[in-house]
Amino acid sequence: MLFEIDMKKYMGKPWQRDGRGPQSYDCYGLIEAIYADRGIILPEVNRPDSLAAMYDKCHDSVGLFKPIESIKPFCIVTFRTRPPKITHAGIVLPDCKRFIHCVSHAGVIITNLNDEHWATIRAGYYDYAGN
């Protein structure tokens, strides 16, 4: 199982603005690293105004991400931590009940998608267009 093999190496790594690993990550850096483990190289994003702008840019210019209605393993889940902008993202784990993400106060963690805080600010799901 991919989680047993690959996800453990990320757990507990600290958050750092523009962190691209392997010692520290920000939320997009963690997404880049996990997708790279799956053989998918995502473009580097240099401080977009928001994650929404990054997803819009990728979707519009190169068709990299697409919004999806229903959850699936390894899709990207987005959040509005500072509404109305999407400012945080993580990756849904294979059980589709949890997601892995990197937060400033705890580093890389796994959280239940139904966690009261995260469920109330969830913005939507995106999938890699090459899937």
N, C-alpha and C. Protein backbone atom coordinates (compact mmCIF):
# COMPACT_ATOMS: atom_id res chain seq x y z
N MET A 1 0.85 -1.18 0.00
CA MET A 1 0.00 0.00 0.00
C MET A 1 0.89 1.24 0.00
N LEU A 2 0.57 2.21 -0.86
CA LEU A 2 1.40 3.40 -1.02
C LEU A 2 1.58 4.14 0.30
N PHE A 3 0.52 4.24 1.11
CA PHE A 3 0.65 4.96 2.38
C PHE A 3 1.70 4.34 3.27
N GLU A 4 1.69 3.03 3.38
CA GLU A 4 2.64 2.33 4.25
C GLU A 4 4.08 2.54 3.77
N ILE A 5 4.27 2.60 2.48
CA ILE A 5 5.62 2.70 1.92
C ILE A 5 6.11 4.16 1.88
N ASP A 6 5.30 5.05 1.36
CA ASP A 6 5.79 6.37 1.03
C ASP A 6 5.40 7.50 1.98
N MET A 7 4.23 7.48 2.53
CA MET A 7 3.76 8.63 3.30
C MET A 7 4.50 8.81 4.63
N LYS A 8 4.99 7.74 5.19
CA LYS A 8 5.67 7.83 6.49
C LYS A 8 6.89 8.75 6.44
N LYS A 9 7.56 8.82 5.29
CA LYS A 9 8.76 9.65 5.21
C LYS A 9 8.46 11.14 5.32
N TYR A 10 7.21 11.52 5.13
CA TYR A 10 6.82 12.93 5.23
C TYR A 10 6.35 13.32 6.63
N MET A 11 5.86 12.36 7.37
CA MET A 11 5.22 12.64 8.65
C MET A 11 6.16 13.38 9.60
N GLY A 12 5.64 14.45 10.21
CA GLY A 12 6.39 15.20 11.20
C GLY A 12 7.39 16.19 10.64
N LYS A 13 7.58 16.21 9.32
CA LYS A 13 8.50 17.21 8.75
C LYS A 13 7.91 18.59 9.00
N PRO A 14 8.73 19.57 9.33
CA PRO A 14 8.20 20.90 9.66
C PRO A 14 7.71 21.67 8.44
N TRP A 15 6.80 22.61 8.72
CA TRP A 15 6.34 23.55 7.71
C TRP A 15 7.39 24.64 7.55
N GLN A 16 7.59 25.06 6.31
CA GLN A 16 8.43 26.22 6.01
C GLN A 16 7.88 26.88 4.76
N ARG A 17 7.73 28.18 4.78
CA ARG A 17 7.24 28.90 3.60
C ARG A 17 8.14 28.56 2.41
N ASP A 18 7.54 28.20 1.31
CA ASP A 18 8.23 27.78 0.09
C ASP A 18 9.05 26.50 0.29
N GLY A 19 8.76 25.73 1.33
CA GLY A 19 9.48 24.47 1.57
C GLY A 19 9.17 23.45 0.51
N ARG A 20 10.22 22.90 -0.09
CA ARG A 20 10.06 21.92 -1.16
C ARG A 20 10.71 20.58 -0.82
N GLY A 21 11.04 20.39 0.45
CA GLY A 21 11.55 19.11 0.92
C GLY A 21 13.01 18.91 0.58
N PRO A 22 13.58 17.85 1.05
CA PRO A 22 12.92 16.84 1.89
C PRO A 22 12.94 17.16 3.38
N GLN A 23 13.58 18.24 3.78
CA GLN A 23 13.66 18.55 5.21
C GLN A 23 12.43 19.29 5.73
N SER A 24 11.77 20.09 4.87
CA SER A 24 10.60 20.86 5.28
C SER A 24 9.72 21.10 4.05
N TYR A 25 8.45 21.43 4.31
CA TYR A 25 7.48 21.61 3.23
C TYR A 25 6.53 22.75 3.55
N ASP A 26 5.93 23.29 2.50
CA ASP A 26 4.68 24.03 2.65
C ASP A 26 3.63 23.14 1.99
N CYS A 27 2.38 23.57 1.96
CA CYS A 27 1.35 22.64 1.48
C CYS A 27 1.56 22.27 0.00
N TYR A 28 1.96 23.22 -0.85
CA TYR A 28 2.18 22.87 -2.25
C TYR A 28 3.45 22.04 -2.42
N GLY A 29 4.47 22.31 -1.63
CA GLY A 29 5.69 21.51 -1.70
C GLY A 29 5.43 20.05 -1.36
N LEU A 30 4.55 19.80 -0.39
CA LEU A 30 4.18 18.43 -0.04
C LEU A 30 3.41 17.78 -1.18
N ILE A 31 2.51 18.52 -1.80
CA ILE A 31 1.77 17.99 -2.95
C ILE A 31 2.74 17.64 -4.08
N GLU A 32 3.67 18.54 -4.37
CA GLU A 32 4.68 18.26 -5.41
C GLU A 32 5.44 16.97 -5.10
N ALA A 33 5.88 16.81 -3.86
CA ALA A 33 6.68 15.64 -3.48
C ALA A 33 5.88 14.35 -3.60
N ILE A 34 4.65 14.35 -3.15
CA ILE A 34 3.83 13.13 -3.21
C ILE A 34 3.49 12.79 -4.65
N TYR A 35 3.18 13.80 -5.45
CA TYR A 35 2.93 13.52 -6.87
C TYR A 35 4.20 13.01 -7.55
N ALA A 36 5.35 13.54 -7.20
CA ALA A 36 6.61 13.05 -7.77
C ALA A 36 6.83 11.58 -7.42
N ASP A 37 6.45 11.18 -6.21
CA ASP A 37 6.54 9.76 -5.83
C ASP A 37 5.67 8.90 -6.74
N ARG A 38 4.63 9.49 -7.28
CA ARG A 38 3.72 8.77 -8.18
C ARG A 38 4.15 8.93 -9.64
N GLY A 39 5.31 9.58 -9.88
CA GLY A 39 5.82 9.75 -11.23
C GLY A 39 5.26 10.94 -11.97
N ILE A 40 4.64 11.86 -11.25
CA ILE A 40 4.04 13.05 -11.86
C ILE A 40 4.80 14.28 -11.38
N ILE A 41 5.41 14.99 -12.31
CA ILE A 41 6.17 16.19 -11.96
C ILE A 41 5.27 17.41 -12.19
N LEU A 42 4.97 18.10 -11.11
CA LEU A 42 4.14 19.29 -11.19
C LEU A 42 5.03 20.52 -11.39
N PRO A 43 4.50 21.55 -12.03
CA PRO A 43 5.31 22.76 -12.22
C PRO A 43 5.52 23.48 -10.90
N GLU A 44 6.64 24.14 -10.79
CA GLU A 44 6.92 24.95 -9.62
C GLU A 44 6.04 26.20 -9.68
N VAL A 45 5.54 26.60 -8.54
CA VAL A 45 4.72 27.80 -8.45
C VAL A 45 5.43 28.76 -7.53
N ASN A 46 5.75 29.93 -8.04
CA ASN A 46 6.45 30.93 -7.23
C ASN A 46 5.46 31.88 -6.59
N ARG A 47 5.09 31.56 -5.35
CA ARG A 47 4.22 32.40 -4.53
C ARG A 47 3.02 32.97 -5.28
N PRO A 48 2.08 32.13 -5.65
CA PRO A 48 0.88 32.67 -6.29
C PRO A 48 0.11 33.50 -5.27
N ASP A 49 -0.78 34.36 -5.76
CA ASP A 49 -1.60 35.15 -4.84
C ASP A 49 -2.41 34.24 -3.94
N SER A 50 -2.80 33.11 -4.45
CA SER A 50 -3.53 32.12 -3.66
C SER A 50 -3.42 30.79 -4.37
N LEU A 51 -3.72 29.72 -3.66
CA LEU A 51 -3.73 28.42 -4.31
C LEU A 51 -4.78 28.37 -5.41
N ALA A 52 -5.88 29.08 -5.22
CA ALA A 52 -6.91 29.11 -6.26
C ALA A 52 -6.35 29.67 -7.56
N ALA A 53 -5.55 30.72 -7.45
CA ALA A 53 -4.94 31.30 -8.65
C ALA A 53 -4.02 30.29 -9.32
N MET A 54 -3.28 29.53 -8.50
CA MET A 54 -2.39 28.52 -9.05
C MET A 54 -3.20 27.45 -9.78
N TYR A 55 -4.27 26.96 -9.17
CA TYR A 55 -5.07 25.93 -9.81
C TYR A 55 -5.74 26.48 -11.07
N ASP A 56 -6.24 27.72 -11.00
CA ASP A 56 -6.85 28.32 -12.18
C ASP A 56 -5.82 28.45 -13.30
N LYS A 57 -4.62 28.91 -12.96
CA LYS A 57 -3.56 29.06 -13.95
C LYS A 57 -3.23 27.72 -14.59
N CYS A 58 -3.02 26.71 -13.77
CA CYS A 58 -2.68 25.39 -14.31
C CYS A 58 -3.82 24.84 -15.16
N HIS A 59 -5.03 24.98 -14.67
CA HIS A 59 -6.17 24.45 -15.41
C HIS A 59 -6.35 25.18 -16.74
N ASP A 60 -6.24 26.51 -16.71
CA ASP A 60 -6.47 27.29 -17.92
C ASP A 60 -5.33 27.20 -18.92
N SER A 61 -4.08 27.19 -18.42
CA SER A 61 -2.96 27.29 -19.35
C SER A 61 -2.45 25.94 -19.84
N VAL A 62 -2.41 24.97 -18.98
CA VAL A 62 -1.87 23.68 -19.41
C VAL A 62 -2.79 22.51 -19.08
N GLY A 63 -3.95 22.78 -18.51
CA GLY A 63 -4.88 21.70 -18.21
C GLY A 63 -4.36 20.74 -17.16
N LEU A 64 -3.60 21.23 -16.20
CA LEU A 64 -2.96 20.35 -15.23
C LEU A 64 -3.91 19.77 -14.19
N PHE A 65 -4.81 20.58 -13.66
CA PHE A 65 -5.78 20.14 -12.66
C PHE A 65 -7.19 20.36 -13.19
N LYS A 66 -8.10 19.54 -12.73
CA LYS A 66 -9.50 19.74 -13.07
C LYS A 66 -10.33 19.59 -11.81
N PRO A 67 -11.34 20.43 -11.64
CA PRO A 67 -12.21 20.27 -10.49
C PRO A 67 -13.01 18.98 -10.62
N ILE A 68 -13.24 18.31 -9.52
CA ILE A 68 -14.04 17.08 -9.54
C ILE A 68 -15.12 17.19 -8.47
N GLU A 69 -16.22 16.50 -8.70
CA GLU A 69 -17.35 16.55 -7.78
C GLU A 69 -17.20 15.60 -6.60
N SER A 70 -16.66 14.42 -6.86
CA SER A 70 -16.57 13.42 -5.79
C SER A 70 -15.12 13.09 -5.47
N ILE A 71 -14.91 12.75 -4.26
CA ILE A 71 -13.58 12.48 -3.73
C ILE A 71 -13.02 11.18 -4.31
N LYS A 72 -11.71 11.15 -4.50
CA LYS A 72 -11.03 9.92 -4.92
C LYS A 72 -9.61 9.95 -4.36
N PRO A 73 -8.99 8.79 -4.21
CA PRO A 73 -7.63 8.75 -3.66
C PRO A 73 -6.67 9.63 -4.46
N PHE A 74 -5.81 10.33 -3.75
CA PHE A 74 -4.75 11.18 -4.28
C PHE A 74 -5.25 12.44 -4.98
N CYS A 75 -6.55 12.73 -4.86
CA CYS A 75 -6.98 14.03 -5.38
C CYS A 75 -6.54 15.10 -4.39
N ILE A 76 -6.54 16.33 -4.84
CA ILE A 76 -6.16 17.46 -4.00
C ILE A 76 -7.42 18.03 -3.37
N VAL A 77 -7.39 18.21 -2.09
CA VAL A 77 -8.49 18.84 -1.37
C VAL A 77 -8.04 20.25 -0.99
N THR A 78 -8.90 21.23 -1.24
CA THR A 78 -8.54 22.63 -1.00
C THR A 78 -9.40 23.22 0.10
N PHE A 79 -8.85 24.27 0.74
CA PHE A 79 -9.52 24.89 1.88
C PHE A 79 -9.42 26.40 1.80
N ARG A 80 -10.41 27.05 2.39
CA ARG A 80 -10.43 28.51 2.52
C ARG A 80 -10.09 28.84 3.98
N THR A 81 -8.80 28.89 4.29
CA THR A 81 -8.41 29.21 5.66
C THR A 81 -8.54 30.70 5.93
N ARG A 82 -8.50 31.49 4.86
CA ARG A 82 -8.72 32.94 4.95
C ARG A 82 -9.67 33.33 3.81
N PRO A 83 -10.97 33.08 4.02
CA PRO A 83 -11.95 33.32 2.95
C PRO A 83 -11.85 34.74 2.40
N PRO A 84 -12.15 34.93 1.13
CA PRO A 84 -12.71 33.95 0.23
C PRO A 84 -11.68 33.13 -0.54
N LYS A 85 -10.39 33.42 -0.38
CA LYS A 85 -9.36 32.74 -1.15
C LYS A 85 -9.12 31.32 -0.66
N ILE A 86 -8.75 30.46 -1.59
CA ILE A 86 -8.28 29.13 -1.24
C ILE A 86 -6.81 29.29 -0.88
N THR A 87 -6.47 28.93 0.34
CA THR A 87 -5.12 29.20 0.84
C THR A 87 -4.42 27.97 1.41
N HIS A 88 -5.06 26.81 1.32
CA HIS A 88 -4.43 25.60 1.85
C HIS A 88 -4.91 24.41 1.04
N ALA A 89 -4.05 23.38 0.97
CA ALA A 89 -4.41 22.18 0.22
C ALA A 89 -3.69 20.98 0.80
N GLY A 90 -4.24 19.81 0.55
CA GLY A 90 -3.64 18.56 0.95
C GLY A 90 -4.00 17.49 -0.06
N ILE A 91 -3.59 16.26 0.22
CA ILE A 91 -3.87 15.14 -0.68
C ILE A 91 -4.69 14.10 0.07
N VAL A 92 -5.78 13.68 -0.56
CA VAL A 92 -6.65 12.66 0.01
C VAL A 92 -5.93 11.32 -0.03
N LEU A 93 -5.98 10.62 1.09
CA LEU A 93 -5.34 9.31 1.20
C LEU A 93 -6.22 8.22 0.59
N PRO A 94 -5.65 7.03 0.34
CA PRO A 94 -6.41 5.96 -0.33
C PRO A 94 -7.72 5.57 0.35
N ASP A 95 -7.86 5.78 1.65
CA ASP A 95 -9.11 5.41 2.31
C ASP A 95 -10.22 6.44 2.08
N CYS A 96 -9.89 7.57 1.46
CA CYS A 96 -10.83 8.66 1.16
C CYS A 96 -11.52 9.21 2.42
N LYS A 97 -10.93 8.97 3.56
CA LYS A 97 -11.46 9.49 4.82
C LYS A 97 -10.51 10.48 5.48
N ARG A 98 -9.25 10.48 5.03
CA ARG A 98 -8.23 11.32 5.64
C ARG A 98 -7.42 12.00 4.55
N PHE A 99 -6.70 13.04 4.95
CA PHE A 99 -5.82 13.71 4.00
C PHE A 99 -4.51 14.04 4.70
N ILE A 100 -3.45 14.11 3.91
CA ILE A 100 -2.13 14.49 4.40
C ILE A 100 -1.88 15.93 3.96
N HIS A 101 -1.36 16.74 4.88
CA HIS A 101 -1.11 18.14 4.57
C HIS A 101 -0.05 18.68 5.51
N CYS A 102 0.40 19.88 5.23
CA CYS A 102 1.44 20.50 6.05
C CYS A 102 0.93 21.84 6.56
N VAL A 103 0.92 21.97 7.88
CA VAL A 103 0.42 23.20 8.51
C VAL A 103 1.52 23.84 9.34
N SER A 104 1.46 25.15 9.47
CA SER A 104 2.54 25.89 10.12
C SER A 104 2.75 25.48 11.58
N HIS A 105 1.70 25.15 12.28
CA HIS A 105 1.83 24.85 13.72
C HIS A 105 2.20 23.41 14.03
N ALA A 106 2.14 22.50 13.03
CA ALA A 106 2.39 21.09 13.33
C ALA A 106 3.23 20.36 12.29
N GLY A 107 3.50 20.99 11.15
CA GLY A 107 4.23 20.30 10.09
C GLY A 107 3.32 19.36 9.33
N VAL A 108 3.90 18.27 8.81
CA VAL A 108 3.13 17.31 8.01
C VAL A 108 2.33 16.41 8.96
N ILE A 109 1.03 16.40 8.74
CA ILE A 109 0.13 15.61 9.57
C ILE A 109 -0.93 14.96 8.69
N ILE A 110 -1.63 14.00 9.28
CA ILE A 110 -2.79 13.38 8.64
C ILE A 110 -4.00 13.77 9.46
N THR A 111 -5.05 14.21 8.77
CA THR A 111 -6.25 14.69 9.43
C THR A 111 -7.48 14.02 8.80
N ASN A 112 -8.48 13.78 9.61
CA ASN A 112 -9.75 13.23 9.13
C ASN A 112 -10.46 14.30 8.31
N LEU A 113 -10.96 13.93 7.14
CA LEU A 113 -11.68 14.89 6.29
C LEU A 113 -12.94 15.42 6.96
N ASN A 114 -13.48 14.67 7.91
CA ASN A 114 -14.68 15.11 8.61
C ASN A 114 -14.38 15.90 9.88
N ASP A 115 -13.10 16.18 10.12
CA ASP A 115 -12.73 17.02 11.25
C ASP A 115 -13.54 18.32 11.17
N GLU A 116 -14.12 18.71 12.30
CA GLU A 116 -15.04 19.85 12.32
C GLU A 116 -14.45 21.11 11.69
N HIS A 117 -13.23 21.44 12.05
CA HIS A 117 -12.60 22.65 11.50
C HIS A 117 -12.42 22.55 10.00
N TRP A 118 -11.77 21.49 9.54
CA TRP A 118 -11.44 21.37 8.12
C TRP A 118 -12.67 21.16 7.26
N ALA A 119 -13.66 20.45 7.76
CA ALA A 119 -14.89 20.22 6.98
C ALA A 119 -15.63 21.53 6.71
N THR A 120 -15.60 22.45 7.67
CA THR A 120 -16.35 23.69 7.49
C THR A 120 -15.66 24.67 6.53
N ILE A 121 -14.38 24.51 6.31
CA ILE A 121 -13.68 25.43 5.40
C ILE A 121 -13.23 24.76 4.09
N ARG A 122 -13.66 23.50 3.89
CA ARG A 122 -13.29 22.78 2.66
C ARG A 122 -13.89 23.50 1.46
N ALA A 123 -13.07 23.71 0.43
CA ALA A 123 -13.51 24.43 -0.77
C ALA A 123 -13.85 23.50 -1.92
N GLY A 124 -13.14 22.39 -2.05
CA GLY A 124 -13.41 21.48 -3.16
C GLY A 124 -12.26 20.55 -3.42
N TYR A 125 -12.43 19.76 -4.47
CA TYR A 125 -11.46 18.74 -4.84
C TYR A 125 -10.99 18.98 -6.27
N TYR A 126 -9.71 18.67 -6.50
CA TYR A 126 -9.13 18.75 -7.84
C TYR A 126 -8.40 17.45 -8.11
N ASP A 127 -8.36 17.09 -9.39
CA ASP A 127 -7.63 15.90 -9.78
C ASP A 127 -6.60 16.28 -10.83
N TYR A 128 -5.54 15.52 -10.87
CA TYR A 128 -4.54 15.69 -11.91
C TYR A 128 -5.18 15.31 -13.23
N ALA A 129 -5.11 16.16 -14.22
CA ALA A 129 -5.81 15.94 -15.49
C ALA A 129 -5.26 14.75 -16.27
N GLY A 130 -4.05 14.30 -15.94
CA GLY A 130 -3.48 13.15 -16.64
C GLY A 130 -3.99 11.81 -16.15
N ASN A 131 -4.81 11.81 -15.07
CA ASN A 131 -5.35 10.54 -14.53
C ASN A 131 -6.50 10.05 -15.35
